[in-house]
Protein backbone atom coordinates (compact mmCIF):
# COMPACT_ATOMS: atom_id res chain seq x y z
CA MET A 1 -10.28 -11.90 8.12
CA PRO A 2 -12.80 -9.09 8.90
CA SER A 3 -16.44 -9.96 9.52
CA HIS A 4 -19.20 -8.52 7.35
CA THR A 5 -22.89 -8.21 8.04
CA LEU A 6 -25.51 -8.01 5.30
CA ASP A 7 -29.26 -8.01 6.10
CA GLY A 8 -28.87 -10.31 9.09
CA LEU A 9 -26.26 -12.49 7.36
CA LYS A 10 -22.94 -12.31 9.16
CA ILE A 11 -19.85 -13.66 7.31
CA SER A 12 -16.45 -14.27 8.89
CA SER A 13 -13.35 -15.93 7.39
CA ARG A 14 -10.06 -17.26 8.60
CA VAL A 15 -7.18 -19.10 6.95
CA THR A 16 -5.36 -22.19 8.25
CA LEU A 17 -2.10 -23.74 7.03
CA LEU A 18 -1.90 -27.50 6.30
CA GLU A 19 1.06 -29.66 5.47
CA PRO A 20 0.83 -32.55 2.99
CA GLY A 21 -1.32 -35.39 4.34
CA MET A 22 -4.89 -36.49 4.91
CA TYR A 23 -7.31 -34.53 7.14
CA ILE A 24 -10.82 -34.78 8.46
CA PHE A 25 -12.96 -31.68 8.86
CA ARG A 26 -15.97 -32.17 11.17
CA TYR A 27 -18.77 -29.90 12.28
CA ALA A 28 -18.58 -30.42 16.08
CA SER A 29 -21.23 -28.05 17.38
CA GLN A 30 -25.03 -27.99 17.58
CA PRO A 31 -26.32 -24.37 17.39
CA PRO A 32 -29.96 -23.55 17.96
CA ALA A 33 -32.26 -24.56 15.17
CA ASP A 34 -33.38 -20.99 14.64
CA LYS A 35 -29.74 -19.77 14.45
CA PRO A 36 -28.05 -21.95 11.83
CA VAL A 37 -24.33 -21.55 11.04
CA CYS A 38 -22.84 -22.92 7.83
CA ILE A 39 -19.12 -23.46 7.30
CA ALA A 40 -17.67 -23.47 3.80
CA LEU A 41 -14.22 -24.75 2.86
CA GLN A 42 -12.11 -23.81 -0.08
CA GLN A 43 -8.47 -23.55 -1.01
CA ALA A 44 -6.94 -20.15 -0.36
CA PRO A 45 -4.37 -18.60 -2.75
CA LEU A 46 -1.44 -19.21 -0.43
CA GLY A 47 1.13 -21.97 -0.38
CA LYS A 48 2.68 -24.16 -3.05
CA GLY A 49 0.50 -27.23 -2.57
CA SER A 50 -3.08 -28.14 -3.51
CA ILE A 51 -5.99 -29.72 -1.70
CA ASP A 52 -8.77 -32.10 -2.77
CA PHE A 53 -12.05 -32.31 -0.85
CA PHE A 54 -14.12 -35.44 -0.47
CA PRO A 55 -17.52 -34.64 1.14
CA ALA A 56 -19.38 -37.24 3.12
CA GLU A 57 -22.94 -38.26 2.35
CA GLY A 58 -25.30 -35.29 2.72
CA VAL A 59 -22.60 -32.66 2.33
CA SER A 60 -22.61 -30.58 -0.89
CA LYS A 61 -20.45 -27.78 -2.22
CA ASN A 62 -17.97 -28.29 0.65
CA MET A 63 -20.53 -26.75 3.06
CA LEU A 64 -20.88 -28.12 6.63
CA THR A 65 -24.26 -27.24 8.06
CA LYS A 66 -24.99 -29.51 11.03
CA LEU A 67 -23.47 -31.61 13.80
CA GLY A 68 -21.49 -34.53 12.36
CA ASP A 69 -21.07 -33.21 8.79
CA THR A 70 -17.71 -34.40 7.57
CA ILE A 71 -15.26 -33.67 4.70
CA VAL A 72 -12.05 -35.62 4.11
CA ALA A 73 -9.26 -33.61 2.55
CA ARG A 74 -6.00 -34.55 0.81
CA VAL A 75 -3.16 -32.02 0.77
CA LYS A 76 -0.41 -32.75 -1.72
CA ALA A 77 2.70 -31.16 -3.37
CA GLY A 78 3.49 -28.88 -0.46
CA VAL A 79 2.02 -26.68 2.29
CA THR A 80 -1.31 -25.19 1.34
CA THR A 81 -3.96 -23.03 2.97
CA VAL A 82 -7.67 -23.48 3.49
CA LEU A 83 -10.13 -20.62 3.65
CA ILE A 84 -12.77 -21.29 6.34
CA THR A 85 -15.83 -19.15 5.97
CA GLU A 86 -18.70 -19.05 8.49
CA TYR A 87 -22.18 -17.89 7.48
CA HIS A 88 -24.39 -16.85 10.37
CA MET A 89 -28.02 -16.71 9.10
CA PHE A 90 -29.09 -14.25 11.79
CA ASP A 91 -28.10 -11.07 13.54
CA ALA A 92 -27.34 -12.36 17.03
CA VAL A 93 -24.40 -13.64 19.11
CA ILE A 94 -24.16 -17.33 19.96
CA ASP A 95 -21.41 -19.58 21.26
CA PRO A 96 -18.52 -20.13 18.81
CA VAL A 97 -19.05 -23.00 16.37
CA ASP A 98 -16.42 -25.73 16.70
CA LEU A 99 -14.84 -27.04 13.48
CA ARG A 100 -12.59 -29.98 14.28
CA ILE A 101 -9.61 -30.51 11.99
CA ASP A 102 -7.79 -33.80 12.59
CA ARG A 103 -4.85 -35.16 10.64
CA ILE A 104 -5.08 -38.85 9.80
CA ASP A 105 -2.08 -40.68 11.35
CA THR A 106 -0.27 -42.80 8.76
CA SER A 107 2.89 -43.44 10.92
CA PRO A 108 3.88 -46.88 12.33
CA ALA A 109 1.97 -45.86 15.49
CA ILE A 110 -1.24 -47.10 13.85
CA MET A 111 0.01 -50.70 14.04
CA ARG A 112 -1.56 -52.74 16.89
CA THR A 113 1.85 -54.16 17.74
CA PHE A 114 3.66 -50.79 17.53
CA ALA A 115 6.24 -50.14 20.18
CA VAL A 116 7.52 -46.66 20.83
CA VAL A 117 11.09 -46.30 19.54
CA ALA A 118 13.31 -43.31 18.95
CA THR A 119 13.17 -42.31 15.26
CA GLU A 120 15.20 -39.09 15.54
CA PRO A 121 18.72 -38.48 16.93
CA ALA A 122 18.59 -37.65 20.61
CA GLN A 123 20.48 -34.40 20.06
CA ALA A 124 17.71 -33.19 17.69
CA LEU A 125 15.22 -33.02 20.58
CA PRO A 126 15.04 -30.09 23.00
CA THR A 127 16.44 -30.69 26.48
CA ASP A 128 15.37 -27.38 28.14
CA ALA A 129 12.83 -24.64 27.68
CA THR A 130 15.34 -21.92 26.70
CA PRO A 131 13.89 -19.98 23.75
CA LEU A 132 15.75 -20.16 20.45
CA PRO A 133 17.42 -17.02 19.20
CA VAL A 134 15.10 -15.18 16.81
CA THR A 135 16.40 -12.31 14.63
CA ILE A 136 13.92 -10.01 12.91
CA THR A 137 15.07 -7.59 10.21
CA ALA A 138 12.34 -5.03 9.33
CA HIS A 139 12.00 -1.86 7.29
CA MET A 140 10.12 0.79 9.28
CA GLN A 141 8.20 3.56 7.53
CA GLN A 142 10.31 6.38 8.90
CA THR A 143 13.29 4.87 10.71
CA GLY A 144 14.37 2.61 7.91
CA GLU A 145 15.93 -0.80 8.45
CA VAL A 146 16.20 -2.14 11.97
CA VAL A 147 17.49 -5.46 13.27
CA SER A 148 16.52 -7.09 16.53
CA ALA A 149 18.28 -10.16 17.87
CA HIS A 150 15.66 -10.34 20.63
CA GLY A 151 12.80 -11.30 18.32
CA TYR A 152 10.85 -8.05 18.28
CA VAL A 153 10.55 -4.88 16.22
CA GLY A 154 8.34 -1.80 16.36
CA ALA A 155 6.26 -0.52 19.31
CA PRO A 156 2.50 -0.68 20.11
CA ASN A 157 0.53 2.56 19.52
CA SER A 158 3.33 3.86 17.30
CA ASN A 159 2.61 6.16 14.38
CA GLU A 160 5.26 4.31 12.41
CA PHE A 161 4.37 1.04 10.70
CA ILE A 162 6.28 -1.97 9.45
CA GLU A 163 6.66 -2.09 5.66
CA CYS A 164 8.45 -5.47 5.38
CA PHE A 165 10.32 -7.99 7.51
CA ALA A 166 12.43 -11.12 7.43
CA ILE A 167 12.86 -13.65 10.22
CA ASP A 168 15.95 -15.77 10.88
CA LEU A 169 16.58 -18.58 13.39
CA PRO A 170 20.40 -18.57 13.70
CA ASN A 171 20.36 -21.89 15.65
CA LYS A 172 17.49 -23.44 13.78
CA PRO A 173 17.27 -27.11 14.82
CA VAL A 174 17.05 -29.92 12.31
CA GLY A 175 13.50 -30.97 11.53
CA VAL A 176 11.70 -27.66 12.14
CA ASP A 177 11.26 -24.43 10.26
CA LEU A 178 9.17 -21.26 10.44
CA LEU A 179 6.80 -20.26 7.61
CA TYR A 180 5.27 -16.78 7.40
CA THR A 181 3.22 -14.66 5.02
CA CYS A 182 1.64 -11.23 4.91
CA MET A 183 -0.75 -8.95 3.13
CA VAL A 184 0.28 -5.44 2.02
CA ALA A 185 -2.40 -2.73 2.02
CA GLY A 186 -4.07 -2.65 -1.41
CA SER A 187 -2.71 -6.11 -2.40
CA GLY A 188 -3.65 -9.72 -1.98
CA PRO A 189 -1.93 -12.26 0.24
CA SER A 190 1.72 -13.07 -0.44
CA ARG A 191 3.04 -16.62 -0.74
CA ASN A 192 4.35 -18.54 2.26
CA VAL A 193 8.09 -18.21 2.74
CA SER A 194 10.57 -19.80 5.11
CA THR A 195 13.18 -18.19 7.39
CA GLY A 196 15.54 -15.73 5.80
CA THR A 197 13.08 -14.45 3.17
CA THR A 198 11.63 -10.94 3.19
CA VAL A 199 7.90 -10.30 2.85
CA GLY A 200 6.19 -6.93 2.32
CA ALA A 201 6.95 -3.84 0.22
CA ARG A 202 10.15 -2.14 1.18
CA GLY A 203 10.28 1.64 0.89
CA GLN A 204 6.91 2.06 -0.82
CA GLY A 205 5.03 3.61 2.12
CA LEU A 206 2.58 0.74 2.27
CA PRO A 207 1.83 -0.97 5.62
CA LEU A 208 1.36 -4.63 6.34
CA ILE A 209 -2.27 -5.23 7.41
CA CYS A 210 -2.27 -8.99 7.85
CA VAL A 211 0.36 -11.56 8.81
CA GLY A 212 0.51 -15.35 9.48
CA PHE A 213 3.03 -17.63 11.08
CA SER A 214 3.39 -21.40 11.40
CA LEU A 215 5.96 -24.02 12.46
CA VAL A 216 6.52 -26.90 10.01
CA GLY A 217 8.67 -29.99 9.85
CA PRO A 218 8.77 -33.46 11.40
CA LEU A 219 9.96 -32.11 14.75
CA ARG A 220 7.63 -29.15 14.97
CA LYS A 221 5.64 -30.74 17.82
CA HIS A 222 8.75 -30.34 20.02
CA TYR A 223 8.64 -26.57 19.72
CA GLU A 224 6.04 -23.85 20.50
CA LEU A 225 5.64 -20.67 18.47
CA THR A 226 4.32 -17.73 20.54
CA GLY A 227 4.20 -14.00 19.92
CA LEU A 228 2.55 -10.62 20.22
CA LEU A 229 1.34 -8.43 17.41
CA ALA A 230 0.06 -4.88 17.46
CA PHE A 231 -2.01 -3.26 14.68
CA GLY A 232 -2.46 0.52 14.73
CA SER A 233 -3.72 1.76 18.15
CA ALA A 234 -5.37 -1.54 19.04
CA GLU A 235 -4.14 -3.54 22.05
CA PRO A 236 -1.42 -6.09 21.26
CA GLN A 237 -2.90 -9.57 20.54
CA ARG A 238 -1.35 -12.96 21.14
CA LEU A 239 -0.23 -14.84 18.08
CA VAL A 240 -2.49 -17.72 16.90
CA THR A 241 -0.41 -20.01 14.70
CA ASN A 242 -1.69 -21.27 11.34
CA GLN A 243 -4.05 -18.27 11.07
CA MET A 244 -3.89 -14.86 9.37
CA MET A 245 -3.79 -12.17 12.06
CA HIS A 246 -5.09 -8.62 11.54
CA GLY A 247 -6.49 -5.62 13.41
CA PRO A 248 -10.13 -5.00 14.46
CA THR A 249 -11.24 -3.86 11.01
CA GLY A 250 -8.56 -5.58 8.93
CA ASN A 251 -7.14 -2.23 7.75
CA GLU A 252 -4.94 -1.29 10.72
CA PRO A 253 -1.17 -1.21 9.93
CA LEU A 254 1.23 -3.61 11.72
CA VAL A 255 3.27 -1.46 14.09
CA ALA A 256 4.87 -4.06 16.37
CA LEU A 257 5.87 -7.71 16.12
CA HIS A 258 7.35 -10.10 18.70
CA LEU A 259 8.06 -13.82 18.07
CA ALA A 260 9.51 -16.57 20.26
CA VAL A 261 10.23 -20.22 19.49
CA THR A 262 10.52 -22.29 22.67
CA PRO A 263 11.24 -26.06 23.10
CA VAL A 264 8.36 -27.93 24.58
CA THR A 265 9.37 -29.80 27.75
CA LYS A 266 7.51 -31.57 30.52
CA MET A 267 7.41 -28.30 32.46
CA ASN A 268 5.38 -25.57 30.84
CA ALA A 269 7.38 -22.51 29.83
CA ALA A 270 6.48 -19.13 31.32
CA ARG A 271 3.88 -17.16 29.39
CA LEU A 272 5.26 -14.73 26.87
CA LYS A 273 5.75 -11.22 28.27
CA SER A 274 5.69 -8.05 26.24
CA PRO A 275 9.24 -7.02 25.33
CA TRP A 276 8.13 -3.38 25.04
CA GLU A 277 7.95 -3.19 28.84
CA ASN A 278 11.68 -3.83 29.10
CA SER A 279 13.69 -0.87 27.85
CA ALA A 280 16.95 -2.84 28.19
CA SER A 281 16.23 -4.70 24.95
CA GLN A 282 17.14 -2.57 21.96
CA GLN A 283 16.43 -2.59 18.25
CA ASN A 284 19.43 -1.57 16.13
CA THR A 285 18.81 0.91 13.34
CA ILE A 286 21.15 0.06 10.48
CA ALA A 287 19.79 2.18 7.65
CA ALA A 288 17.97 5.48 7.58
CA GLY A 289 14.62 5.59 5.80
CA GLN A 290 12.42 8.37 4.48
CA THR A 291 8.98 9.39 5.64
CA ALA A 292 6.32 7.79 3.47
């Protein structure tokens, strides 16, 4: 989310997605005494689940203020989102404050006598680093509906923005899925949806100004979600999963989107390259649109 400054008080927010389970939030930094930073946690209006906070001794109102402050959280009834807000009580730049978020392991691996065994079919695990096919169907402000089987739509620095989009994984493996959400200009955040569902406002001339993506499912750790996003005339930025992404001011329209889902193997996959540098990959226009 955008940062705001008011009389020396700087406020910045971000959103993270959490699946059902138990988590520990810990303040893991020690800023200068004359430059305190407080971190507040609260449930964001995204997702179908809910979250309960259990602050440790000395923590009140779900506000972490110093090194070691801890809050235990319980997520239940589905994926939910947490709004993390930082309050900088000064008008200066310091090193980023580290908020550690650890999930409490409740699997058989916590047993002292646990032996590693295969719990999933071998064919469900990736055997190479070939990216999965990703299809994006989007409605552009002027062009209309376009479909890309190469996982990208739009172009950086374009005067045409994306109004809505849907993502599909034609060969989606068992045990993993992609969740995504967005924010349309003038509206609040939409709910999280899974592959095949459209988000945004088709044909209304309203741009998307914020989007978020996350992999979920028991086998999600075997896959990596990467991507590039471009808002307005700003430089494309790399996708950060489990966070809402936006432009420099939070009001720039989404003009380009590229996603890739790659199996994680022992050998690191090559870093994601911009598809807009390769003119051989094409987006297919399948319906004409009107200028907003």
